[in-house]
Amino acid sequence: MLPKIDWSQPWYDSVRPAVARLKLDDDDWIAAFNARAGELGLHNAGGQPLRFVPQAALPEGQAYEQFIGATGCVPTRDNLHDFFNALVWLTFPRIKQQLNALQSAQIALAGVGKSRGPARDAATIFDENSALLVVRDSADSRALVAALRGHQWCEAFCDRRAVFGGEAQVWLFGHALMEKLVAPRKAITAHTRVVTAGDAYFALAPDARRAWIDGHVCAMLAAEPLSTAGFTPLPVLGVPGWWPQQDQAFYADASVFRPKRTGYHL
């Protein structure tokens, strides 16, 4: 399973260091995650130590998110989807805690039901398929964000290509998104949120940037209601440098780089 993953790909930049610090055994990778979670002192929002447990530990009839919130135990299957979920827990534990707290609170309020409801739906999308676009508070970054809002793909990715890296960075968060990118396809699209950072952030080392993102986004989620209106679609392989031959013809593919539709916001 794990040999399928090409860790050199730029879309795994956010979680690659966490992988490097694990003593992975393809036959029992869950044990390696538990050892690392213990070293880091990870816990859920209620303070219970975080542990990855077999899926069978989830009681019948109890919601997955509610079980994590009550016990600190994350039901985990032996597949890529749950592997990446565990990896995000190691990388951005505070964001994961806050998302789980939001989901658990919504379940306590409204029950599981056939529909998640708007707040829980947004939390699930964030957890599964989000990317964070961290931008400097500058004129160049504001112009880039405006182009993305308008789905002006060639302007954003061709004309403003130089903004990426120094003024704007894409960090993947969603574990389902990471799983899909094991076999990259042009149509794979993230639900993206913009995070504005000061100059001090861009002077940090990569690990310190991850820690800043973890704390800042956690605080954002705690302070403001989460809704699906906070996302915009971003074709991941359109990020400059993330795929070969990113010329104007590449971005002119309207089946992937679609024109603006109502209902999407950054």
C-alpha atoms as a PDB file:
ATOM      1  CA  MET A   1       0.000   0.000   0.000  1.00  0.00           C
ATOM      2  CA  LEU A   2       2.543   2.603   1.117  1.00  0.00           C
ATOM      3  CA  PRO A   3       5.018   2.093  -1.766  1.00  0.00           C
ATOM      4  CA  LYS A   4       2.368   3.551  -4.102  1.00  0.00           C
ATOM      5  CA  ILE A   5       2.954   7.026  -2.636  1.00  0.00           C
ATOM      6  CA  ASP A   6       5.443   9.312  -4.393  1.00  0.00           C
ATOM      7  CA  TRP A   7       6.579  11.485  -1.493  1.00  0.00           C
ATOM      8  CA  SER A   8       8.637  13.709  -3.787  1.00  0.00           C
ATOM      9  CA  GLN A   9       5.488  15.301  -5.218  1.00  0.00           C
ATOM     10  CA  PRO A  10       4.967  18.920  -4.069  1.00  0.00           C
ATOM     11  CA  TRP A  11       1.400  18.304  -2.929  1.00  0.00           C
ATOM     12  CA  TYR A  12       2.791  16.204  -0.064  1.00  0.00           C
ATOM     13  CA  ASP A  13       4.994  19.023   1.238  1.00  0.00           C
ATOM     14  CA  SER A  14       2.660  19.628   4.174  1.00  0.00           C
ATOM     15  CA  VAL A  15       2.892  16.085   5.580  1.00  0.00           C
ATOM     16  CA  ARG A  16       6.247  14.822   4.278  1.00  0.00           C
ATOM     17  CA  PRO A  17       8.230  15.720   7.438  1.00  0.00           C
ATOM     18  CA  ALA A  18       5.773  13.772   9.599  1.00  0.00           C
ATOM     19  CA  VAL A  19       6.371  10.700   7.435  1.00  0.00           C
ATOM     20  CA  ALA A  20      10.129  11.100   7.716  1.00  0.00           C
ATOM     21  CA  ARG A  21       9.910  11.070  11.526  1.00  0.00           C
ATOM     22  CA  LEU A  22       7.902   7.847  11.643  1.00  0.00           C
ATOM     23  CA  LYS A  23       9.405   4.387  11.964  1.00  0.00           C
ATOM     24  CA  LEU A  24       7.034   2.958   9.400  1.00  0.00           C
ATOM     25  CA  ASP A  25       6.316  -0.722   9.039  1.00  0.00           C
ATOM     26  CA  ASP A  26       4.038  -1.467   6.104  1.00  0.00           C
ATOM     27  CA  ASP A  27       2.577  -4.419   8.045  1.00  0.00           C
ATOM     28  CA  ASP A  28       1.752  -2.384  11.165  1.00  0.00           C
ATOM     29  CA  TRP A  29       1.923   1.314  10.383  1.00  0.00           C
ATOM     30  CA  ILE A  30      -0.765   2.095  12.975  1.00  0.00           C
ATOM     31  CA  ALA A  31       1.662   1.174  15.772  1.00  0.00           C
ATOM     32  CA  ALA A  32       4.163   3.671  14.378  1.00  0.00           C
ATOM     33  CA  PHE A  33       1.529   6.408  14.401  1.00  0.00           C
ATOM     34  CA  ASN A  34       0.570   5.630  17.986  1.00  0.00           C
ATOM     35  CA  ALA A  35       4.194   5.759  19.076  1.00  0.00           C
ATOM     36  CA  ARG A  36       4.643   9.151  17.427  1.00  0.00           C
ATOM     37  CA  ALA A  37       1.354  10.510  18.808  1.00  0.00           C
ATOM     38  CA  GLY A  38       2.562   9.550  22.263  1.00  0.00           C
ATOM     39  CA  GLU A  39       5.916  11.261  21.727  1.00  0.00           C
ATOM     40  CA  LEU A  40       4.113  14.449  20.674  1.00  0.00           C
ATOM     41  CA  GLY A  41       1.589  14.246  23.526  1.00  0.00           C
ATOM     42  CA  LEU A  42      -1.362  14.522  21.141  1.00  0.00           C
ATOM     43  CA  HIS A  43      -4.880  14.583  22.521  1.00  0.00           C
ATOM     44  CA  ASN A  44      -8.427  15.369  21.514  1.00  0.00           C
ATOM     45  CA  ALA A  45     -10.234  18.590  22.407  1.00  0.00           C
ATOM     46  CA  GLY A  46     -11.289  17.080  25.733  1.00  0.00           C
ATOM     47  CA  GLY A  47      -7.736  16.260  26.762  1.00  0.00           C
ATOM     48  CA  GLN A  48      -7.861  12.477  26.276  1.00  0.00           C
ATOM     49  CA  PRO A  49      -4.664  11.053  24.739  1.00  0.00           C
ATOM     50  CA  LEU A  50      -4.992  10.451  21.013  1.00  0.00           C
ATOM     51  CA  ARG A  51      -4.746   6.848  19.851  1.00  0.00           C
ATOM     52  CA  PHE A  52      -5.404   5.158  16.531  1.00  0.00           C
ATOM     53  CA  VAL A  53      -7.491   2.039  17.123  1.00  0.00           C
ATOM     54  CA  PRO A  54      -9.005  -0.656  14.878  1.00  0.00           C
ATOM     55  CA  GLN A  55     -12.262   0.254  13.159  1.00  0.00           C
ATOM     56  CA  ALA A  56     -13.943  -2.529  15.148  1.00  0.00           C
ATOM     57  CA  ALA A  57     -13.455  -0.462  18.324  1.00  0.00           C
ATOM     58  CA  LEU A  58     -16.158   1.962  17.142  1.00  0.00           C
ATOM     59  CA  PRO A  59     -19.386   0.908  18.910  1.00  0.00           C
ATOM     60  CA  GLU A  60     -22.283   0.090  16.646  1.00  0.00           C
ATOM     61  CA  GLY A  61     -24.572   3.077  16.293  1.00  0.00           C
ATOM     62  CA  GLN A  62     -22.070   5.649  17.548  1.00  0.00           C
ATOM     63  CA  ALA A  63     -20.875   8.365  15.165  1.00  0.00           C
ATOM     64  CA  TYR A  64     -17.189   8.306  14.274  1.00  0.00           C
ATOM     65  CA  GLU A  65     -16.610  11.961  15.220  1.00  0.00           C
ATOM     66  CA  GLN A  66     -18.503  11.614  18.475  1.00  0.00           C
ATOM     67  CA  PHE A  67     -16.417   8.574  19.455  1.00  0.00           C
ATOM     68  CA  ILE A  68     -13.164  10.502  18.907  1.00  0.00           C
ATOM     69  CA  GLY A  69     -14.503  13.441  20.891  1.00  0.00           C
ATOM     70  CA  ALA A  70     -15.532  11.210  23.794  1.00  0.00           C
ATOM     71  CA  THR A  71     -12.513   8.881  23.952  1.00  0.00           C
ATOM     72  CA  GLY A  72      -9.569  10.293  22.001  1.00  0.00           C
ATOM     73  CA  CYS A  73      -9.538   7.059  19.984  1.00  0.00           C
ATOM     74  CA  VAL A  74      -9.535   7.374  16.179  1.00  0.00           C
ATOM     75  CA  PRO A  75     -11.022   4.305  14.441  1.00  0.00           C
ATOM     76  CA  THR A  76      -8.539   3.440  11.716  1.00  0.00           C
ATOM     77  CA  ARG A  77      -8.694   0.988   8.824  1.00  0.00           C
ATOM     78  CA  ASP A  78      -5.680  -0.428   7.028  1.00  0.00           C
ATOM     79  CA  ASN A  79      -6.059   1.710   3.908  1.00  0.00           C
ATOM     80  CA  LEU A  80      -4.607   4.847   2.329  1.00  0.00           C
ATOM     81  CA  HIS A  81      -7.553   7.024   3.300  1.00  0.00           C
ATOM     82  CA  ASP A  82      -7.054   6.421   7.009  1.00  0.00           C
ATOM     83  CA  PHE A  83      -3.271   6.478   6.656  1.00  0.00           C
ATOM     84  CA  PHE A  84      -3.447  10.052   5.401  1.00  0.00           C
ATOM     85  CA  ASN A  85      -6.007  10.944   8.062  1.00  0.00           C
ATOM     86  CA  ALA A  86      -3.572   9.811  10.758  1.00  0.00           C
ATOM     87  CA  LEU A  87      -0.758  11.695   9.046  1.00  0.00           C
ATOM     88  CA  VAL A  88      -2.750  14.949   9.144  1.00  0.00           C
ATOM     89  CA  TRP A  89      -3.414  14.374  12.853  1.00  0.00           C
ATOM     90  CA  LEU A  90       0.364  14.283  13.389  1.00  0.00           C
ATOM     91  CA  THR A  91       0.927  17.387  11.242  1.00  0.00           C
ATOM     92  CA  PHE A  92      -1.953  19.708  12.186  1.00  0.00           C
ATOM     93  CA  PRO A  93      -3.296  18.329  15.489  1.00  0.00           C
ATOM     94  CA  ARG A  94      -4.920  21.558  16.698  1.00  0.00           C
ATOM     95  CA  ILE A  95      -6.945  21.987  13.505  1.00  0.00           C
ATOM     96  CA  LYS A  96      -8.018  18.346  13.699  1.00  0.00           C
ATOM     97  CA  GLN A  97      -9.023  18.793  17.355  1.00  0.00           C
ATOM     98  CA  GLN A  98     -11.125  21.830  16.526  1.00  0.00           C
ATOM     99  CA  LEU A  99     -12.825  20.182  13.550  1.00  0.00           C
ATOM    100  CA  ASN A 100     -13.644  17.158  15.680  1.00  0.00           C
ATOM    101  CA  ALA A 101     -15.015  19.394  18.432  1.00  0.00           C
ATOM    102  CA  LEU A 102     -17.218  21.200  15.884  1.00  0.00           C
ATOM    103  CA  GLN A 103     -18.487  17.935  14.427  1.00  0.00           C
ATOM    104  CA  SER A 104     -19.121  16.398  17.855  1.00  0.00           C
ATOM    105  CA  ALA A 105     -21.038  19.496  18.985  1.00  0.00           C
ATOM    106  CA  GLN A 106     -23.224  19.381  15.886  1.00  0.00           C
ATOM    107  CA  ILE A 107     -23.983  15.701  16.440  1.00  0.00           C
ATOM    108  CA  ALA A 108     -24.874  16.395  20.078  1.00  0.00           C
ATOM    109  CA  LEU A 109     -27.159  19.207  18.937  1.00  0.00           C
ATOM    110  CA  ALA A 110     -28.905  17.586  15.995  1.00  0.00           C
ATOM    111  CA  GLY A 111     -28.051  13.886  16.095  1.00  0.00           C
ATOM    112  CA  VAL A 112     -26.531  11.941  13.219  1.00  0.00           C
ATOM    113  CA  GLY A 113     -29.506  12.005  10.845  1.00  0.00           C
ATOM    114  CA  LYS A 114     -29.546  11.475   7.096  1.00  0.00           C
ATOM    115  CA  SER A 115     -28.176  14.975   6.489  1.00  0.00           C
ATOM    116  CA  ARG A 116     -25.160  16.435   8.268  1.00  0.00           C
ATOM    117  CA  GLY A 117     -26.482  19.998   8.253  1.00  0.00           C
ATOM    118  CA  PRO A 118     -24.542  22.987   6.904  1.00  0.00           C
ATOM    119  CA  ALA A 119     -21.991  23.389   9.726  1.00  0.00           C
ATOM    120  CA  ARG A 120     -21.115  19.716   9.988  1.00  0.00           C
ATOM    121  CA  ASP A 121     -21.095  19.421   6.199  1.00  0.00           C
ATOM    122  CA  ALA A 122     -18.563  22.264   5.984  1.00  0.00           C
ATOM    123  CA  ALA A 123     -16.414  20.672   8.711  1.00  0.00           C
ATOM    124  CA  THR A 124     -16.445  17.360   6.846  1.00  0.00           C
ATOM    125  CA  ILE A 125     -15.455  19.027   3.569  1.00  0.00           C
ATOM    126  CA  PHE A 126     -12.640  20.852   5.359  1.00  0.00           C
ATOM    127  CA  ASP A 127     -11.438  17.615   6.944  1.00  0.00           C
ATOM    128  CA  GLU A 128     -11.631  15.541   3.778  1.00  0.00           C
ATOM    129  CA  ASN A 129     -10.840  17.771   0.827  1.00  0.00           C
ATOM    130  CA  SER A 130      -9.438  21.151   1.832  1.00  0.00           C
ATOM    131  CA  ALA A 131      -6.333  23.068   0.882  1.00  0.00           C
ATOM    132  CA  LEU A 132      -5.101  26.204   2.613  1.00  0.00           C
ATOM    133  CA  LEU A 133      -3.858  29.087   0.486  1.00  0.00           C
ATOM    134  CA  VAL A 134      -1.593  31.105   2.783  1.00  0.00           C
ATOM    135  CA  VAL A 135      -1.018  34.575   1.339  1.00  0.00           C
ATOM    136  CA  ARG A 136       0.976  37.625   2.357  1.00  0.00           C
ATOM    137  CA  ASP A 137      -1.050  40.776   3.012  1.00  0.00           C
ATOM    138  CA  SER A 138       0.191  42.491  -0.146  1.00  0.00           C
ATOM    139  CA  ALA A 139      -1.150  43.966  -3.360  1.00  0.00           C
ATOM    140  CA  ASP A 140       0.194  41.040  -5.401  1.00  0.00           C
ATOM    141  CA  SER A 141      -1.512  38.498  -3.178  1.00  0.00           C
ATOM    142  CA  ARG A 142      -4.789  40.406  -3.179  1.00  0.00           C
ATOM    143  CA  ALA A 143      -4.716  40.474  -6.976  1.00  0.00           C
ATOM    144  CA  LEU A 144      -4.047  36.733  -7.050  1.00  0.00           C
ATOM    145  CA  VAL A 145      -6.955  36.053  -4.705  1.00  0.00           C
ATOM    146  CA  ALA A 146      -9.227  38.259  -6.819  1.00  0.00           C
ATOM    147  CA  ALA A 147      -8.248  36.293  -9.940  1.00  0.00           C
ATOM    148  CA  LEU A 148      -8.989  33.005  -8.177  1.00  0.00           C
ATOM    149  CA  ARG A 149     -12.329  34.334  -6.944  1.00  0.00           C
ATOM    150  CA  GLY A 150     -13.230  35.198 -10.501  1.00  0.00           C
ATOM    151  CA  HIS A 151     -11.967  31.846 -11.831  1.00  0.00           C
ATOM    152  CA  GLN A 152      -9.570  33.777 -14.038  1.00  0.00           C
ATOM    153  CA  TRP A 153      -7.287  30.767 -14.216  1.00  0.00           C
ATOM    154  CA  CYS A 154      -4.747  31.983 -16.761  1.00  0.00           C
ATOM    155  CA  GLU A 155      -4.356  35.275 -14.924  1.00  0.00           C
ATOM    156  CA  ALA A 156      -3.932  33.517 -11.582  1.00  0.00           C
ATOM    157  CA  PHE A 157      -1.636  30.696 -12.677  1.00  0.00           C
ATOM    158  CA  CYS A 158       0.157  32.144 -15.710  1.00  0.00           C
ATOM    159  CA  ASP A 159       0.256  35.940 -15.395  1.00  0.00           C
ATOM    160  CA  ARG A 160       0.694  35.822 -11.603  1.00  0.00           C
ATOM    161  CA  ARG A 161       2.759  32.656 -11.459  1.00  0.00           C
ATOM    162  CA  ALA A 162       5.643  34.419  -9.692  1.00  0.00           C
ATOM    163  CA  VAL A 163       3.405  35.205  -6.701  1.00  0.00           C
ATOM    164  CA  PHE A 164       3.391  31.540  -5.693  1.00  0.00           C
ATOM    165  CA  GLY A 165       6.154  30.565  -3.311  1.00  0.00           C
ATOM    166  CA  GLY A 166       7.196  33.969  -2.035  1.00  0.00           C
ATOM    167  CA  GLU A 167       3.771  35.579  -1.561  1.00  0.00           C
ATOM    168  CA  ALA A 168       1.359  32.643  -1.670  1.00  0.00           C
ATOM    169  CA  GLN A 169       1.668  29.000  -0.653  1.00  0.00           C
ATOM    170  CA  VAL A 170      -0.708  26.071  -1.036  1.00  0.00           C
ATOM    171  CA  TRP A 171      -0.779  23.593   1.863  1.00  0.00           C
ATOM    172  CA  LEU A 172      -2.940  20.498   1.518  1.00  0.00           C
ATOM    173  CA  PHE A 173      -4.970  19.485   4.571  1.00  0.00           C
ATOM    174  CA  GLY A 174      -7.734  17.118   3.424  1.00  0.00           C
ATOM    175  CA  HIS A 175      -6.783  13.474   3.774  1.00  0.00           C
ATOM    176  CA  ALA A 176      -9.168  12.274   1.033  1.00  0.00           C
ATOM    177  CA  LEU A 177      -7.575  14.841  -1.266  1.00  0.00           C
ATOM    178  CA  MET A 178      -4.121  13.442  -0.481  1.00  0.00           C
ATOM    179  CA  GLU A 179      -5.372   9.924  -1.126  1.00  0.00           C
ATOM    180  CA  LYS A 180      -6.742  10.887  -4.552  1.00  0.00           C
ATOM    181  CA  LEU A 181      -3.398  12.420  -5.491  1.00  0.00           C
ATOM    182  CA  VAL A 182      -1.618   9.095  -5.079  1.00  0.00           C
ATOM    183  CA  ALA A 183      -2.881   8.614  -8.661  1.00  0.00           C
ATOM    184  CA  PRO A 184      -2.908  12.250  -9.872  1.00  0.00           C
ATOM    185  CA  ARG A 185      -5.514  13.344 -12.394  1.00  0.00           C
ATOM    186  CA  LYS A 186      -5.960  16.790 -13.838  1.00  0.00           C
ATOM    187  CA  ALA A 187      -9.546  17.068 -12.597  1.00  0.00           C
ATOM    188  CA  ILE A 188      -8.730  16.600  -8.878  1.00  0.00           C
ATOM    189  CA  THR A 189     -10.029  19.721  -7.151  1.00  0.00           C
ATOM    190  CA  ALA A 190      -9.604  21.045  -3.608  1.00  0.00           C
ATOM    191  CA  HIS A 191     -11.990  23.101  -1.513  1.00  0.00           C
ATOM    192  CA  THR A 192      -9.694  25.993  -0.696  1.00  0.00           C
ATOM    193  CA  ARG A 193      -9.629  28.537   2.118  1.00  0.00           C
ATOM    194  CA  VAL A 194      -7.489  31.682   2.111  1.00  0.00           C
ATOM    195  CA  VAL A 195      -5.370  32.385   5.187  1.00  0.00           C
ATOM    196  CA  THR A 196      -3.681  35.799   5.373  1.00  0.00           C
ATOM    197  CA  ALA A 197      -0.291  35.868   7.101  1.00  0.00           C
ATOM    198  CA  GLY A 198       2.082  38.684   8.037  1.00  0.00           C
ATOM    199  CA  ASP A 199       5.671  39.080   6.915  1.00  0.00           C
ATOM    200  CA  ALA A 200       6.904  37.257  10.020  1.00  0.00           C
ATOM    201  CA  TYR A 201       5.276  34.029   8.826  1.00  0.00           C
ATOM    202  CA  PHE A 202       7.191  34.079   5.544  1.00  0.00           C
ATOM    203  CA  ALA A 203      10.483  34.410   7.440  1.00  0.00           C
ATOM    204  CA  LEU A 204       9.817  31.201   9.407  1.00  0.00           C
ATOM    205  CA  ALA A 205      11.366  27.804   8.728  1.00  0.00           C
ATOM    206  CA  PRO A 206       8.977  25.214   7.228  1.00  0.00           C
ATOM    207  CA  ASP A 207       8.237  23.428  10.519  1.00  0.00           C
ATOM    208  CA  ALA A 208       7.506  26.730  12.217  1.00  0.00           C
ATOM    209  CA  ARG A 209       5.173  27.638   9.344  1.00  0.00           C
ATOM    210  CA  ARG A 210       3.247  24.417   9.894  1.00  0.00           C
ATOM    211  CA  ALA A 211       2.946  25.210  13.599  1.00  0.00           C
ATOM    212  CA  TRP A 212       1.753  28.742  12.817  1.00  0.00           C
ATOM    213  CA  ILE A 213      -0.861  27.421  10.375  1.00  0.00           C
ATOM    214  CA  ASP A 214      -2.026  24.861  12.918  1.00  0.00           C
ATOM    215  CA  GLY A 215      -2.556  27.444  15.649  1.00  0.00           C
ATOM    216  CA  HIS A 216      -3.916  30.228  13.443  1.00  0.00           C
ATOM    217  CA  VAL A 217      -6.436  28.122  11.526  1.00  0.00           C
ATOM    218  CA  CYS A 218      -7.560  26.430  14.742  1.00  0.00           C
ATOM    219  CA  ALA A 219      -8.293  29.878  16.184  1.00  0.00           C
ATOM    220  CA  MET A 220     -10.130  30.880  12.992  1.00  0.00           C
ATOM    221  CA  LEU A 221     -12.359  27.802  13.203  1.00  0.00           C
ATOM    222  CA  ALA A 222     -13.128  28.526  16.853  1.00  0.00           C
ATOM    223  CA  ALA A 223     -13.923  32.201  16.238  1.00  0.00           C
ATOM    224  CA  GLU A 224     -16.116  32.145  13.152  1.00  0.00           C
ATOM    225  CA  PRO A 225     -18.928  29.907  11.867  1.00  0.00           C
ATOM    226  CA  LEU A 226     -17.787  27.373   9.296  1.00  0.00           C
ATOM    227  CA  SER A 227     -19.893  27.068   6.153  1.00  0.00           C
ATOM    228  CA  THR A 228     -19.485  25.731   2.646  1.00  0.00           C
ATOM    229  CA  ALA A 229     -19.547  29.331   1.372  1.00  0.00           C
ATOM    230  CA  GLY A 230     -16.020  29.697   2.758  1.00  0.00           C
ATOM    231  CA  PHE A 231     -14.504  27.453   0.083  1.00  0.00           C
ATOM    232  CA  THR A 232     -13.566  27.929  -3.540  1.00  0.00           C
ATOM    233  CA  PRO A 233     -12.665  25.140  -5.985  1.00  0.00           C
ATOM    234  CA  LEU A 234      -8.986  24.912  -6.894  1.00  0.00           C
ATOM    235  CA  PRO A 235      -7.776  22.351  -9.460  1.00  0.00           C
ATOM    236  CA  VAL A 236      -4.718  21.118  -7.584  1.00  0.00           C
ATOM    237  CA  LEU A 237      -2.518  20.290 -10.569  1.00  0.00           C
ATOM    238  CA  GLY A 238      -2.948  23.873 -11.728  1.00  0.00           C
ATOM    239  CA  VAL A 239      -0.770  25.161  -8.881  1.00  0.00           C
ATOM    240  CA  PRO A 240       2.406  26.475 -10.567  1.00  0.00           C
ATOM    241  CA  GLY A 241       5.145  23.855 -10.530  1.00  0.00           C
ATOM    242  CA  TRP A 242       2.837  21.019  -9.507  1.00  0.00           C
ATOM    243  CA  TRP A 243       2.455  19.524 -12.993  1.00  0.00           C
ATOM    244  CA  PRO A 244       4.436  19.642 -16.263  1.00  0.00           C
ATOM    245  CA  GLN A 245       3.481  21.678 -19.332  1.00  0.00           C
ATOM    246  CA  GLN A 246       1.370  24.239 -17.490  1.00  0.00           C
ATOM    247  CA  ASP A 247       0.915  26.503 -20.499  1.00  0.00           C
ATOM    248  CA  GLN A 248      -2.136  28.500 -21.535  1.00  0.00           C
ATOM    249  CA  ALA A 249      -3.598  25.483 -23.355  1.00  0.00           C
ATOM    250  CA  PHE A 250      -3.377  23.500 -20.106  1.00  0.00           C
ATOM    251  CA  TYR A 251      -5.433  26.124 -18.267  1.00  0.00           C
ATOM    252  CA  ALA A 252      -7.835  26.569 -21.190  1.00  0.00           C
ATOM    253  CA  ASP A 253      -9.333  23.117 -20.514  1.00  0.00           C
ATOM    254  CA  ALA A 254     -12.790  24.264 -19.396  1.00  0.00           C
ATOM    255  CA  SER A 255     -13.742  20.768 -18.225  1.00  0.00           C
ATOM    256  CA  VAL A 256     -11.280  21.273 -15.340  1.00  0.00           C
ATOM    257  CA  PHE A 257     -10.678  25.041 -15.122  1.00  0.00           C
ATOM    258  CA  ARG A 258     -14.302  25.986 -15.185  1.00  0.00           C
ATOM    259  CA  PRO A 259     -15.790  29.461 -15.568  1.00  0.00           C
ATOM    260  CA  LYS A 260     -17.150  31.247 -12.522  1.00  0.00           C
ATOM    261  CA  ARG A 261     -20.362  29.913 -11.058  1.00  0.00           C
ATOM    262  CA  THR A 262     -22.456  31.514  -8.340  1.00  0.00           C
ATOM    263  CA  GLY A 263     -22.291  30.051  -4.850  1.00  0.00           C
ATOM    264  CA  TYR A 264     -18.502  29.767  -4.488  1.00  0.00           C
ATOM    265  CA  HIS A 265     -16.490  32.180  -2.395  1.00  0.00           C
ATOM    266  CA  LEU A 266     -12.981  32.412  -0.987  1.00  0.00           C
END
